[in-house]
Amino acid sequence: MRTLDQILPAAEILEKLPDAQFSALCSRNLPEIVRLKAMTMFELGITTWHAAMISGKFNVHPNMLGQLVDRREPNLLKHVSRALNRKVLFDISYRYATKFARRWSRGLRR
């Protein structure tokens, strides 16, 4: 299994982009992850719902979350968890880098 540093090698990125700043979000930052990656979180929710329906282990109507799906609700995973009466998200991590441009005053480089 790969470690996060193998997937996003911070040291190598910092060599090439010394102004890069890394941020990491985890389960306790879930609302922020949903805000930043709304479509990804919706897709995670719809995939989880689909897997649950295919398994046949849940006695719920397959279209009960239809309105949420139609509007691409970013918090769909939370609704899936409630509909299934089961915890479906145990851990999540979102790590990203941003590069801030250095600003110089008085007509120097920008």
C-alpha atoms as a PDB file:
ATOM      1  CA  MET A   1       0.000   0.000   0.000  1.00  0.00           C
ATOM      2  CA  ARG A   2       1.268   3.442  -0.882  1.00  0.00           C
ATOM      3  CA  THR A   3       1.813   6.081   1.715  1.00  0.00           C
ATOM      4  CA  LEU A   4       0.496   9.582   1.207  1.00  0.00           C
ATOM      5  CA  ASP A   5       4.047  10.881   0.679  1.00  0.00           C
ATOM      6  CA  GLN A   6       4.463   8.520  -2.263  1.00  0.00           C
ATOM      7  CA  ILE A   7       1.236   9.759  -3.812  1.00  0.00           C
ATOM      8  CA  LEU A   8       1.905  13.447  -3.095  1.00  0.00           C
ATOM      9  CA  PRO A   9       5.678  13.760  -2.547  1.00  0.00           C
ATOM     10  CA  ALA A  10       5.834  17.028  -0.613  1.00  0.00           C
ATOM     11  CA  ALA A  11       9.643  17.181  -0.460  1.00  0.00           C
ATOM     12  CA  GLU A  12      10.019  16.783  -4.232  1.00  0.00           C
ATOM     13  CA  ILE A  13       7.332  19.347  -4.921  1.00  0.00           C
ATOM     14  CA  LEU A  14       8.941  21.842  -2.547  1.00  0.00           C
ATOM     15  CA  GLU A  15      12.257  21.450  -4.394  1.00  0.00           C
ATOM     16  CA  LYS A  16      10.593  22.510  -7.636  1.00  0.00           C
ATOM     17  CA  LEU A  17       8.090  24.955  -6.150  1.00  0.00           C
ATOM     18  CA  PRO A  18       9.625  26.456  -3.002  1.00  0.00           C
ATOM     19  CA  ASP A  19       6.600  28.741  -2.521  1.00  0.00           C
ATOM     20  CA  ALA A  20       4.188  25.790  -2.328  1.00  0.00           C
ATOM     21  CA  GLN A  21       2.169  25.510   0.827  1.00  0.00           C
ATOM     22  CA  PHE A  22       0.629  22.168   1.782  1.00  0.00           C
ATOM     23  CA  SER A  23      -2.688  21.716   3.512  1.00  0.00           C
ATOM     24  CA  ALA A  24      -4.243  18.526   4.807  1.00  0.00           C
ATOM     25  CA  LEU A  25      -7.834  17.904   5.793  1.00  0.00           C
ATOM     26  CA  CYS A  26      -9.228  14.823   7.511  1.00  0.00           C
ATOM     27  CA  SER A  27     -12.529  13.458   8.833  1.00  0.00           C
ATOM     28  CA  ARG A  28     -13.017  16.221  11.370  1.00  0.00           C
ATOM     29  CA  ASN A  29     -12.764  18.724   8.480  1.00  0.00           C
ATOM     30  CA  LEU A  30     -15.449  16.970   6.436  1.00  0.00           C
ATOM     31  CA  PRO A  31     -17.569  20.119   5.849  1.00  0.00           C
ATOM     32  CA  GLU A  32     -14.518  21.859   4.379  1.00  0.00           C
ATOM     33  CA  ILE A  33     -13.725  18.865   2.166  1.00  0.00           C
ATOM     34  CA  VAL A  34     -17.340  18.868   0.963  1.00  0.00           C
ATOM     35  CA  ARG A  35     -17.057  22.596   0.205  1.00  0.00           C
ATOM     36  CA  LEU A  36     -13.787  22.209  -1.712  1.00  0.00           C
ATOM     37  CA  LYS A  37     -14.592  18.923  -3.492  1.00  0.00           C
ATOM     38  CA  ALA A  38     -18.383  18.967  -3.824  1.00  0.00           C
ATOM     39  CA  MET A  39     -18.599  16.829  -6.970  1.00  0.00           C
ATOM     40  CA  THR A  40     -16.106  14.281  -5.652  1.00  0.00           C
ATOM     41  CA  MET A  41     -18.105  13.913  -2.447  1.00  0.00           C
ATOM     42  CA  PHE A  42     -21.328  13.557  -4.424  1.00  0.00           C
ATOM     43  CA  GLU A  43     -19.698  10.821  -6.526  1.00  0.00           C
ATOM     44  CA  LEU A  44     -18.523   9.054  -3.376  1.00  0.00           C
ATOM     45  CA  GLY A  45     -22.091   9.159  -2.066  1.00  0.00           C
ATOM     46  CA  ILE A  46     -23.677   7.891  -5.277  1.00  0.00           C
ATOM     47  CA  THR A  47     -21.100   5.099  -5.573  1.00  0.00           C
ATOM     48  CA  THR A  48     -21.779   4.032  -1.986  1.00  0.00           C
ATOM     49  CA  TRP A  49     -25.549   4.084  -2.601  1.00  0.00           C
ATOM     50  CA  HIS A  50     -25.159   2.074  -5.798  1.00  0.00           C
ATOM     51  CA  ALA A  51     -23.002  -0.538  -4.055  1.00  0.00           C
ATOM     52  CA  ALA A  52     -25.546  -0.842  -1.246  1.00  0.00           C
ATOM     53  CA  MET A  53     -28.412  -1.315  -3.706  1.00  0.00           C
ATOM     54  CA  ILE A  54     -26.491  -3.898  -5.740  1.00  0.00           C
ATOM     55  CA  SER A  55     -25.629  -5.869  -2.593  1.00  0.00           C
ATOM     56  CA  GLY A  56     -29.299  -6.497  -1.844  1.00  0.00           C
ATOM     57  CA  LYS A  57     -28.596  -6.387   1.902  1.00  0.00           C
ATOM     58  CA  PHE A  58     -30.690  -3.308   2.597  1.00  0.00           C
ATOM     59  CA  ASN A  59     -34.458  -3.108   2.681  1.00  0.00           C
ATOM     60  CA  VAL A  60     -34.785   0.430   1.292  1.00  0.00           C
ATOM     61  CA  HIS A  61     -36.362   1.802  -1.857  1.00  0.00           C
ATOM     62  CA  PRO A  62     -33.619   2.402  -4.478  1.00  0.00           C
ATOM     63  CA  ASN A  63     -35.094   5.786  -5.465  1.00  0.00           C
ATOM     64  CA  MET A  64     -35.574   7.200  -1.971  1.00  0.00           C
ATOM     65  CA  LEU A  65     -32.627   9.583  -2.438  1.00  0.00           C
ATOM     66  CA  GLY A  66     -33.664  10.495  -5.985  1.00  0.00           C
ATOM     67  CA  GLN A  67     -34.180  14.211  -5.333  1.00  0.00           C
ATOM     68  CA  LEU A  68     -30.746  14.490  -3.721  1.00  0.00           C
ATOM     69  CA  VAL A  69     -29.170  12.647  -6.635  1.00  0.00           C
ATOM     70  CA  ASP A  70     -30.970  14.830  -9.181  1.00  0.00           C
ATOM     71  CA  ARG A  71     -29.584  17.992  -7.637  1.00  0.00           C
ATOM     72  CA  ARG A  72     -26.134  16.445  -7.114  1.00  0.00           C
ATOM     73  CA  GLU A  73     -26.149  16.997  -3.357  1.00  0.00           C
ATOM     74  CA  PRO A  74     -22.527  17.212  -2.100  1.00  0.00           C
ATOM     75  CA  ASN A  75     -23.614  15.819   1.294  1.00  0.00           C
ATOM     76  CA  LEU A  76     -25.195  12.743  -0.307  1.00  0.00           C
ATOM     77  CA  LEU A  77     -22.906  10.426   1.640  1.00  0.00           C
ATOM     78  CA  LYS A  78     -24.418  11.672   4.914  1.00  0.00           C
ATOM     79  CA  HIS A  79     -27.913  10.949   3.583  1.00  0.00           C
ATOM     80  CA  VAL A  80     -26.821   7.493   2.384  1.00  0.00           C
ATOM     81  CA  SER A  81     -25.512   6.752   5.859  1.00  0.00           C
ATOM     82  CA  ARG A  82     -28.830   7.778   7.412  1.00  0.00           C
ATOM     83  CA  ALA A  83     -30.910   5.861   4.858  1.00  0.00           C
ATOM     84  CA  LEU A  84     -28.908   2.681   5.435  1.00  0.00           C
ATOM     85  CA  ASN A  85     -28.715   3.280   9.192  1.00  0.00           C
ATOM     86  CA  ARG A  86     -25.038   2.473   8.963  1.00  0.00           C
ATOM     87  CA  LYS A  87     -21.795   4.386   9.165  1.00  0.00           C
ATOM     88  CA  VAL A  88     -20.338   4.446   5.652  1.00  0.00           C
ATOM     89  CA  LEU A  89     -17.402   6.843   6.002  1.00  0.00           C
ATOM     90  CA  PHE A  90     -14.737   5.764   8.458  1.00  0.00           C
ATOM     91  CA  ASP A  91     -11.825   7.950   7.442  1.00  0.00           C
ATOM     92  CA  ILE A  92     -10.972  10.469   4.746  1.00  0.00           C
ATOM     93  CA  SER A  93      -7.949  12.566   3.886  1.00  0.00           C
ATOM     94  CA  TYR A  94      -7.580  15.387   1.400  1.00  0.00           C
ATOM     95  CA  ARG A  95      -4.152  16.896   0.902  1.00  0.00           C
ATOM     96  CA  TYR A  96      -3.311  19.626  -1.559  1.00  0.00           C
ATOM     97  CA  ALA A  97      -0.682  22.206  -2.371  1.00  0.00           C
ATOM     98  CA  THR A  98      -1.102  25.819  -3.357  1.00  0.00           C
ATOM     99  CA  LYS A  99       1.490  28.179  -4.681  1.00  0.00           C
ATOM    100  CA  PHE A 100       1.450  31.770  -3.560  1.00  0.00           C
ATOM    101  CA  ALA A 101       3.041  34.334  -5.842  1.00  0.00           C
ATOM    102  CA  ARG A 102       5.506  36.621  -4.176  1.00  0.00           C
ATOM    103  CA  ARG A 103       4.638  40.235  -4.669  1.00  0.00           C
ATOM    104  CA  TRP A 104       7.318  42.858  -4.946  1.00  0.00           C
ATOM    105  CA  SER A 105       6.674  46.515  -4.279  1.00  0.00           C
ATOM    106  CA  ARG A 106       7.656  49.624  -6.244  1.00  0.00           C
ATOM    107  CA  GLY A 107       7.614  48.251  -9.768  1.00  0.00           C
ATOM    108  CA  LEU A 108       9.863  45.284  -9.142  1.00  0.00           C
ATOM    109  CA  ARG A 109       8.978  41.747 -10.271  1.00  0.00           C
ATOM    110  CA  ARG A 110       5.429  40.561  -9.855  1.00  0.00           C
END
